[in-house]
């Protein structure tokens, strides 16, 4: 919980009473590797803050192939407050720990803490900027260049998540990725 409060304080100020309210609404949960935080076609009914682990956002293309769009690591919020069904899956790529808030508790926090919307907007803007930097590389690049860029953008992920997820993100086969990794060493 401390981690979340410290993170929030990077974007705005809270008094002790506000911190106590947030703390009273949070629940800690764990998801095993491959479990879903959100599923396509379903409305996400909670807000999550990743304290440990890595998630991936993925979808299935019109050929039924699973495509990894982006990876999300510690100190990030997972939410969709629009109350519309998700078009993508948010899946644990590793064992994950999160703090979760029901959408109604999140709304109560928002209604009670004056500057909450502003704080959340700053967090969202930071996340969007990071997401734009990390979006799956252009397919026009060769696979080795895409992998080298992946290692630059996600330096802590290479040894933490399955190669199949990385290959999916890069738009190549796992065998191609293994060859590239072997040639780089």
Protein backbone atom coordinates (compact mmCIF):
# COMPACT_ATOMS: atom_id res chain seq x y z
CA UNK A 1 0.00 0.00 0.00
CA UNK A 2 2.88 2.36 0.83
CA UNK A 3 4.14 1.96 -2.72
CA UNK A 4 0.81 3.16 -4.13
CA UNK A 5 0.60 6.16 -1.81
CA UNK A 6 4.20 7.15 -2.65
CA UNK A 7 3.34 6.83 -6.34
CA UNK A 8 0.21 9.00 -6.00
CA UNK A 9 2.19 11.62 -4.07
CA UNK A 10 4.45 12.05 -7.11
CA UNK A 11 1.45 13.59 -8.90
CA UNK A 12 -0.27 15.58 -6.14
CA UNK A 13 -0.68 16.14 -2.41
CA UNK A 14 -2.79 14.17 0.06
CA UNK A 15 -3.44 14.69 3.75
CA UNK A 16 -3.53 11.82 6.26
CA UNK A 17 -7.34 11.59 6.20
CA UNK A 18 -7.27 11.19 2.39
CA UNK A 19 -4.52 8.58 2.61
CA UNK A 20 -6.60 6.68 5.22
CA UNK A 21 -9.62 6.73 2.88
CA UNK A 22 -7.58 5.34 -0.03
CA UNK A 23 -6.01 2.70 2.23
CA UNK A 24 -9.42 1.60 3.53
CA UNK A 25 -10.70 0.98 -0.02
CA UNK A 26 -7.76 -1.02 -1.40
CA UNK A 27 -7.57 -4.81 -1.50
CA UNK A 28 -4.44 -6.80 -2.26
CA UNK A 29 -4.80 -9.61 -4.78
CA UNK A 30 -2.46 -11.95 -6.62
CA UNK A 31 -2.80 -13.38 -10.10
CA UNK A 32 -0.86 -16.37 -11.32
CA UNK A 33 0.94 -16.30 -14.65
CA UNK A 34 -1.55 -16.50 -17.54
CA UNK A 35 -4.56 -15.40 -15.42
CA UNK A 36 -6.57 -12.46 -16.72
CA UNK A 37 -7.16 -9.12 -15.03
CA UNK A 38 -9.50 -8.14 -17.88
CA UNK A 39 -11.05 -10.11 -20.71
CA UNK A 40 -12.22 -8.95 -24.13
CA UNK A 41 -15.99 -8.54 -24.27
CA UNK A 42 -16.32 -7.93 -20.53
CA UNK A 43 -16.55 -4.68 -18.57
CA UNK A 44 -13.64 -4.13 -16.18
CA UNK A 45 -15.21 -3.48 -12.78
CA UNK A 46 -12.08 -2.57 -10.85
CA UNK A 47 -8.98 -0.40 -10.93
CA UNK A 48 -5.65 -2.10 -10.33
CA UNK A 49 -2.20 -0.85 -9.36
CA UNK A 50 0.62 -3.29 -10.14
CA UNK A 51 2.94 -3.74 -7.15
CA UNK A 52 4.83 -6.76 -8.50
CA UNK A 53 4.91 -8.52 -11.85
CA UNK A 54 4.28 -7.86 -15.52
CA UNK A 55 1.05 -7.81 -17.49
CA UNK A 56 0.60 -7.88 -21.22
CA UNK A 57 -2.23 -6.44 -23.25
CA UNK A 58 -3.13 -8.76 -26.08
CA UNK A 59 -5.85 -9.52 -28.60
CA UNK A 60 -6.65 -12.03 -31.32
CA UNK A 61 -6.42 -10.93 -34.94
CA UNK A 62 -8.89 -12.02 -37.65
CA UNK A 63 -6.80 -15.17 -38.25
CA UNK A 64 -7.15 -16.18 -34.60
CA UNK A 65 -3.49 -15.44 -33.84
CA UNK A 66 -2.68 -14.00 -30.44
CA UNK A 67 -0.96 -10.62 -30.71
CA UNK A 68 0.83 -8.95 -27.78
CA UNK A 69 0.35 -5.19 -28.02
CA UNK A 70 2.25 -3.90 -24.99
CA UNK A 71 3.73 -4.93 -21.64
CA UNK A 72 2.89 -3.16 -18.37
CA UNK A 73 5.13 -3.49 -15.35
CA UNK A 74 5.16 -2.38 -11.73
CA UNK A 75 3.88 1.05 -10.68
CA UNK A 76 1.19 1.30 -13.33
CA UNK A 77 -2.58 1.62 -13.07
CA UNK A 78 -4.93 -0.72 -14.94
CA UNK A 79 -8.39 0.73 -15.45
CA UNK A 80 -11.29 1.40 -17.79
CA UNK A 81 -13.81 3.65 -16.10
CA UNK A 82 -15.95 4.08 -19.21
CA UNK A 83 -18.04 1.01 -18.32
CA UNK A 84 -17.76 -0.42 -21.82
CA UNK A 85 -16.63 -3.94 -22.68
CA UNK A 86 -12.89 -4.27 -23.24
CA UNK A 87 -11.63 -5.09 -26.73
CA UNK A 88 -8.42 -6.62 -25.37
CA UNK A 89 -7.16 -8.97 -22.70
CA UNK A 90 -4.98 -7.90 -19.79
CA UNK A 91 -3.10 -11.05 -18.84
CA UNK A 92 -0.48 -11.74 -16.18
CA UNK A 93 2.78 -12.49 -18.01
CA UNK A 94 4.36 -13.39 -14.65
CA UNK A 95 3.00 -13.99 -11.15
CA UNK A 96 1.52 -10.58 -10.22
CA UNK A 97 0.49 -8.70 -7.11
CA UNK A 98 -1.92 -5.78 -7.28
CA UNK A 99 -3.86 -3.36 -5.19
CA UNK A 100 -7.42 -3.23 -6.48
CA UNK A 101 -10.30 -0.84 -5.96
CA UNK A 102 -13.85 -1.49 -7.09
CA UNK A 103 -15.06 1.12 -9.58
CA UNK A 104 -17.56 2.35 -6.99
CA UNK A 105 -14.81 2.74 -4.33
CA UNK A 106 -12.64 4.53 -6.91
CA UNK A 107 -15.56 6.89 -7.64
CA UNK A 108 -16.03 7.50 -3.90
CA UNK A 109 -12.34 8.41 -3.60
CA UNK A 110 -12.74 10.72 -6.61
CA UNK A 111 -15.86 12.35 -5.13
CA UNK A 112 -14.20 12.83 -1.72
CA UNK A 113 -10.67 13.98 -2.62
CA UNK A 114 -10.84 17.37 -4.37
CA UNK A 115 -7.74 17.01 -6.56
CA UNK A 116 -8.12 13.26 -7.30
CA UNK A 117 -9.24 13.68 -10.95
CA UNK A 118 -6.27 15.97 -11.60
CA UNK A 119 -3.87 13.44 -10.03
CA UNK A 120 -5.35 10.58 -12.09
CA UNK A 121 -5.15 12.73 -15.26
CA UNK A 122 -1.43 13.36 -14.66
CA UNK A 123 -0.86 9.61 -14.15
CA UNK A 124 -2.85 8.83 -17.32
CA UNK A 125 -0.87 11.37 -19.35
CA UNK A 126 2.42 9.89 -18.14
CA UNK A 127 1.23 6.37 -18.98
CA UNK A 128 0.06 7.42 -22.45
CA UNK A 129 3.42 9.01 -23.19
CA UNK A 130 5.21 5.82 -22.09
CA UNK A 131 2.79 3.70 -24.11
CA UNK A 132 3.47 5.72 -27.27
CA UNK A 133 7.20 5.22 -26.76
CA UNK A 134 6.74 1.48 -26.33
CA UNK A 135 4.07 0.57 -28.88
CA UNK A 136 5.02 -2.46 -30.91
CA UNK A 137 7.75 -1.52 -33.40
CA UNK A 138 7.13 -0.91 -37.06
CA UNK A 139 6.94 -4.08 -39.10
CA UNK A 140 9.15 -2.40 -41.73
CA UNK A 141 12.16 -2.85 -39.43
CA UNK A 142 14.02 -6.13 -39.58
CA UNK A 143 13.43 -8.54 -36.70
CA UNK A 144 16.89 -8.03 -35.15
CA UNK A 145 16.37 -4.26 -34.99
CA UNK A 146 12.92 -4.75 -33.44
CA UNK A 147 14.39 -7.06 -30.78
CA UNK A 148 17.24 -4.65 -29.99
CA UNK A 149 14.69 -1.83 -29.62
CA UNK A 150 12.57 -4.07 -27.38
CA UNK A 151 15.57 -4.65 -25.10
CA UNK A 152 16.16 -0.88 -24.99
CA UNK A 153 12.51 -0.05 -24.19
CA UNK A 154 11.98 -2.92 -21.73
CA UNK A 155 15.42 -3.61 -20.22
CA UNK A 156 14.03 -5.47 -17.18
CA UNK A 157 11.58 -7.71 -19.05
CA UNK A 158 13.77 -9.89 -21.28
CA UNK A 159 14.53 -12.47 -18.60
CA UNK A 160 11.20 -12.19 -16.74
CA UNK A 161 8.60 -13.11 -19.36
CA UNK A 162 8.17 -16.04 -21.75
CA UNK A 163 9.90 -15.76 -25.14
CA UNK A 164 6.59 -16.57 -26.83
CA UNK A 165 5.15 -13.26 -25.55
CA UNK A 166 8.18 -11.32 -26.77
CA UNK A 167 8.00 -13.02 -30.18
CA UNK A 168 4.28 -12.19 -30.41
CA UNK A 169 5.01 -8.55 -29.54
CA UNK A 170 7.73 -8.38 -32.21
CA UNK A 171 5.57 -10.12 -34.82
CA UNK A 172 7.97 -13.04 -35.33
CA UNK A 173 8.07 -16.74 -34.50
CA UNK A 174 9.66 -18.01 -31.32
CA UNK A 175 12.24 -19.90 -33.44
CA UNK A 176 13.24 -16.64 -35.20
CA UNK A 177 13.58 -14.93 -31.84
CA UNK A 178 15.81 -17.74 -30.54
CA UNK A 179 18.05 -17.38 -33.62
CA UNK A 180 18.27 -13.60 -33.18
CA UNK A 181 19.15 -13.94 -29.50
CA UNK A 182 21.83 -16.52 -30.33
CA UNK A 183 23.37 -14.24 -33.00
CA UNK A 184 23.43 -11.20 -30.69
CA UNK A 185 25.37 -12.94 -27.91
